[in-house]
Amino acid sequence: MTLTLAKWSLDEYHRMVDLRLLADRRVELLNGEIIEMSPESTAD
């Protein structure tokens, strides 16, 4: 089985944001990949 990754363009990423497909997720686009970011920790 061959695994093929989809690479996203900046325009495609912004379109997903506009459509609120990523509204409940903390993500960013890095090198064509949508990466889920871990929550920021709070400093005590």
PDB file of N, CA and C in Angstrom:
ATOM      1  N   MET A   1       0.848  -1.186   0.000  1.00  0.00           N
ATOM      2  CA  MET A   1       0.000   0.000   0.000  1.00  0.00           C
ATOM      3  C   MET A   1       0.887   1.241   0.000  1.00  0.00           C
ATOM      4  N   THR A   2       0.581   2.168  -0.875  1.00  0.00           N
ATOM      5  CA  THR A   2       1.330   3.406  -0.975  1.00  0.00           C
ATOM      6  C   THR A   2       0.546   4.524  -0.303  1.00  0.00           C
ATOM      7  N   LEU A   3       1.226   5.289   0.519  1.00  0.00           N
ATOM      8  CA  LEU A   3       0.609   6.413   1.217  1.00  0.00           C
ATOM      9  C   LEU A   3       0.948   7.689   0.463  1.00  0.00           C
ATOM     10  N   THR A   4      -0.060   8.448   0.097  1.00  0.00           N
ATOM     11  CA  THR A   4       0.142   9.723  -0.590  1.00  0.00           C
ATOM     12  C   THR A   4      -0.439  10.828   0.272  1.00  0.00           C
ATOM     13  N   LEU A   5       0.384  11.816   0.569  1.00  0.00           N
ATOM     14  CA  LEU A   5      -0.063  12.952   1.363  1.00  0.00           C
ATOM     15  C   LEU A   5      -0.502  14.081   0.451  1.00  0.00           C
ATOM     16  N   ALA A   6      -1.585  14.736   0.820  1.00  0.00           N
ATOM     17  CA  ALA A   6      -2.042  15.904   0.077  1.00  0.00           C
ATOM     18  C   ALA A   6      -1.303  17.123   0.615  1.00  0.00           C
ATOM     19  N   LYS A   7      -0.783  17.935  -0.267  1.00  0.00           N
ATOM     20  CA  LYS A   7      -0.160  19.199   0.121  1.00  0.00           C
ATOM     21  C   LYS A   7      -1.169  20.304  -0.153  1.00  0.00           C
ATOM     22  N   TRP A   8      -1.367  21.179   0.809  1.00  0.00           N
ATOM     23  CA  TRP A   8      -2.354  22.237   0.709  1.00  0.00           C
ATOM     24  C   TRP A   8      -1.671  23.548   0.346  1.00  0.00           C
ATOM     25  N   SER A   9      -2.324  24.341  -0.475  1.00  0.00           N
ATOM     26  CA  SER A   9      -1.825  25.679  -0.789  1.00  0.00           C
ATOM     27  C   SER A   9      -2.354  26.659   0.257  1.00  0.00           C
ATOM     28  N   LEU A  10      -1.770  27.827   0.287  1.00  0.00           N
ATOM     29  CA  LEU A  10      -2.235  28.854   1.213  1.00  0.00           C
ATOM     30  C   LEU A  10      -3.675  29.249   0.890  1.00  0.00           C
ATOM     31  N   ASP A  11      -4.008  29.349  -0.400  1.00  0.00           N
ATOM     32  CA  ASP A  11      -5.386  29.680  -0.792  1.00  0.00           C
ATOM     33  C   ASP A  11      -6.366  28.610  -0.317  1.00  0.00           C
ATOM     34  N   GLU A  12      -6.008  27.342  -0.452  1.00  0.00           N
ATOM     35  CA  GLU A  12      -6.876  26.253   0.004  1.00  0.00           C
ATOM     36  C   GLU A  12      -7.054  26.299   1.518  1.00  0.00           C
ATOM     37  N   TYR A  13      -5.976  26.564   2.223  1.00  0.00           N
ATOM     38  CA  TYR A  13      -6.030  26.660   3.688  1.00  0.00           C
ATOM     39  C   TYR A  13      -6.961  27.797   4.118  1.00  0.00           C
ATOM     40  N   HIS A  14      -6.815  28.966   3.500  1.00  0.00           N
ATOM     41  CA  HIS A  14      -7.680  30.099   3.830  1.00  0.00           C
ATOM     42  C   HIS A  14      -9.130  29.802   3.492  1.00  0.00           C
ATOM     43  N   ARG A  15      -9.366  29.058   2.437  1.00  0.00           N
ATOM     44  CA  ARG A  15     -10.737  28.667   2.074  1.00  0.00           C
ATOM     45  C   ARG A  15     -11.337  27.773   3.159  1.00  0.00           C
ATOM     46  N   MET A  16     -10.542  26.830   3.678  1.00  0.00           N
ATOM     47  CA  MET A  16     -11.020  25.967   4.771  1.00  0.00           C
ATOM     48  C   MET A  16     -11.331  26.793   6.022  1.00  0.00           C
ATOM     49  N   VAL A  17     -10.512  27.794   6.284  1.00  0.00           N
ATOM     50  CA  VAL A  17     -10.762  28.684   7.425  1.00  0.00           C
ATOM     51  C   VAL A  17     -12.061  29.454   7.192  1.00  0.00           C
ATOM     52  N   ASP A  18     -12.231  30.003   5.991  1.00  0.00           N
ATOM     53  CA  ASP A  18     -13.453  30.750   5.666  1.00  0.00           C
ATOM     54  C   ASP A  18     -14.703  29.892   5.801  1.00  0.00           C
ATOM     55  N   LEU A  19     -14.596  28.621   5.453  1.00  0.00           N
ATOM     56  CA  LEU A  19     -15.734  27.701   5.554  1.00  0.00           C
ATOM     57  C   LEU A  19     -15.915  27.149   6.971  1.00  0.00           C
ATOM     58  N   ARG A  20     -15.051  27.553   7.871  1.00  0.00           N
ATOM     59  CA  ARG A  20     -15.072  27.143   9.290  1.00  0.00           C
ATOM     60  C   ARG A  20     -14.860  25.642   9.449  1.00  0.00           C
ATOM     61  N   LEU A  21     -14.147  25.024   8.523  1.00  0.00           N
ATOM     62  CA  LEU A  21     -13.847  23.595   8.628  1.00  0.00           C
ATOM     63  C   LEU A  21     -12.833  23.325   9.735  1.00  0.00           C
ATOM     64  N   LEU A  22     -12.072  24.343  10.098  1.00  0.00           N
ATOM     65  CA  LEU A  22     -11.032  24.185  11.115  1.00  0.00           C
ATOM     66  C   LEU A  22     -11.337  25.014  12.364  1.00  0.00           C
ATOM     67  N   ALA A  23     -12.585  25.405  12.523  1.00  0.00           N
ATOM     68  CA  ALA A  23     -12.965  26.362  13.566  1.00  0.00           C
ATOM     69  C   ALA A  23     -12.655  25.878  14.981  1.00  0.00           C
ATOM     70  N   ASP A  24     -12.797  24.608  15.256  1.00  0.00           N
ATOM     71  CA  ASP A  24     -12.613  24.106  16.618  1.00  0.00           C
ATOM     72  C   ASP A  24     -11.239  23.484  16.833  1.00  0.00           C
ATOM     73  N   ARG A  25     -10.322  23.761  15.910  1.00  0.00           N
ATOM     74  CA  ARG A  25      -9.003  23.132  16.008  1.00  0.00           C
ATOM     75  C   ARG A  25      -7.919  24.198  15.975  1.00  0.00           C
ATOM     76  N   ARG A  26      -6.848  23.932  16.698  1.00  0.00           N
ATOM     77  CA  ARG A  26      -5.691  24.827  16.687  1.00  0.00           C
ATOM     78  C   ARG A  26      -4.699  24.267  15.668  1.00  0.00           C
ATOM     79  N   VAL A  27      -4.698  24.830  14.483  1.00  0.00           N
ATOM     80  CA  VAL A  27      -3.862  24.312  13.407  1.00  0.00           C
ATOM     81  C   VAL A  27      -3.126  25.455  12.723  1.00  0.00           C
ATOM     82  N   GLU A  28      -2.067  25.087  11.998  1.00  0.00           N
ATOM     83  CA  GLU A  28      -1.404  26.031  11.119  1.00  0.00           C
ATOM     84  C   GLU A  28      -0.876  25.280   9.908  1.00  0.00           C
ATOM     85  N   LEU A  29      -0.616  26.019   8.862  1.00  0.00           N
ATOM     86  CA  LEU A  29      -0.124  25.436   7.614  1.00  0.00           C
ATOM     87  C   LEU A  29       1.398  25.577   7.588  1.00  0.00           C
ATOM     88  N   LEU A  30       2.093  24.440   7.527  1.00  0.00           N
ATOM     89  CA  LEU A  30       3.559  24.427   7.469  1.00  0.00           C
ATOM     90  C   LEU A  30       3.998  23.560   6.303  1.00  0.00           C
ATOM     91  N   ASN A  31       4.678  24.177   5.335  1.00  0.00           N
ATOM     92  CA  ASN A  31       5.194  23.438   4.183  1.00  0.00           C
ATOM     93  C   ASN A  31       4.121  22.605   3.494  1.00  0.00           C
ATOM     94  N   GLY A  32       2.913  23.156   3.389  1.00  0.00           N
ATOM     95  CA  GLY A  32       1.833  22.475   2.691  1.00  0.00           C
ATOM     96  C   GLY A  32       1.087  21.449   3.522  1.00  0.00           C
ATOM     97  N   GLU A  33       1.447  21.302   4.789  1.00  0.00           N
ATOM     98  CA  GLU A  33       0.777  20.349   5.676  1.00  0.00           C
ATOM     99  C   GLU A  33       0.040  21.105   6.772  1.00  0.00           C
ATOM    100  N   ILE A  34      -1.166  20.661   7.073  1.00  0.00           N
ATOM    101  CA  ILE A  34      -1.934  21.261   8.164  1.00  0.00           C
ATOM    102  C   ILE A  34      -1.547  20.528   9.433  1.00  0.00           C
ATOM    103  N   ILE A  35      -0.928  21.267  10.340  1.00  0.00           N
ATOM    104  CA  ILE A  35      -0.367  20.694  11.566  1.00  0.00           C
ATOM    105  C   ILE A  35      -1.215  21.117  12.758  1.00  0.00           C
ATOM    106  N   GLU A  36      -1.631  20.145  13.559  1.00  0.00           N
ATOM    107  CA  GLU A  36      -2.379  20.444  14.778  1.00  0.00           C
ATOM    108  C   GLU A  36      -1.394  20.863  15.857  1.00  0.00           C
ATOM    109  N   MET A  37      -1.648  21.992  16.471  1.00  0.00           N
ATOM    110  CA  MET A  37      -0.750  22.535  17.483  1.00  0.00           C
ATOM    111  C   MET A  37      -1.227  22.116  18.874  1.00  0.00           C
ATOM    112  N   SER A  38      -0.286  21.872  19.741  1.00  0.00           N
ATOM    113  CA  SER A  38      -0.646  21.540  21.121  1.00  0.00           C
ATOM    114  C   SER A  38      -1.067  22.821  21.840  1.00  0.00           C
ATOM    115  N   PRO A  39      -1.913  22.705  22.862  1.00  0.00           N
ATOM    116  CA  PRO A  39      -2.360  23.895  23.602  1.00  0.00           C
ATOM    117  C   PRO A  39      -1.163  24.588  24.256  1.00  0.00           C
ATOM    118  N   GLU A  40      -1.268  25.906  24.345  1.00  0.00           N
ATOM    119  CA  GLU A  40      -0.224  26.660  25.021  1.00  0.00           C
ATOM    120  C   GLU A  40      -0.323  26.392  26.518  1.00  0.00           C
ATOM    121  N   SER A  41       0.812  26.236  27.148  1.00  0.00           N
ATOM    122  CA  SER A  41       0.804  26.039  28.600  1.00  0.00           C
ATOM    123  C   SER A  41       0.818  27.401  29.279  1.00  0.00           C
ATOM    124  N   THR A  42       0.255  27.447  30.467  1.00  0.00           N
ATOM    125  CA  THR A  42       0.235  28.694  31.213  1.00  0.00           C
ATOM    126  C   THR A  42       1.427  28.718  32.166  1.00  0.00           C
ATOM    127  N   ALA A  43       2.050  29.857  32.269  1.00  0.00           N
ATOM    128  CA  ALA A  43       3.201  30.013  33.166  1.00  0.00           C
ATOM    129  C   ALA A  43       2.678  30.262  34.578  1.00  0.00           C
ATOM    130  N   ASP A  44       3.248  29.562  35.530  1.00  0.00           N
ATOM    131  CA  ASP A  44       2.839  29.743  36.929  1.00  0.00           C
ATOM    132  C   ASP A  44       3.733  30.709  37.638  1.00  0.00           C
TER     133      ASP A  44
END
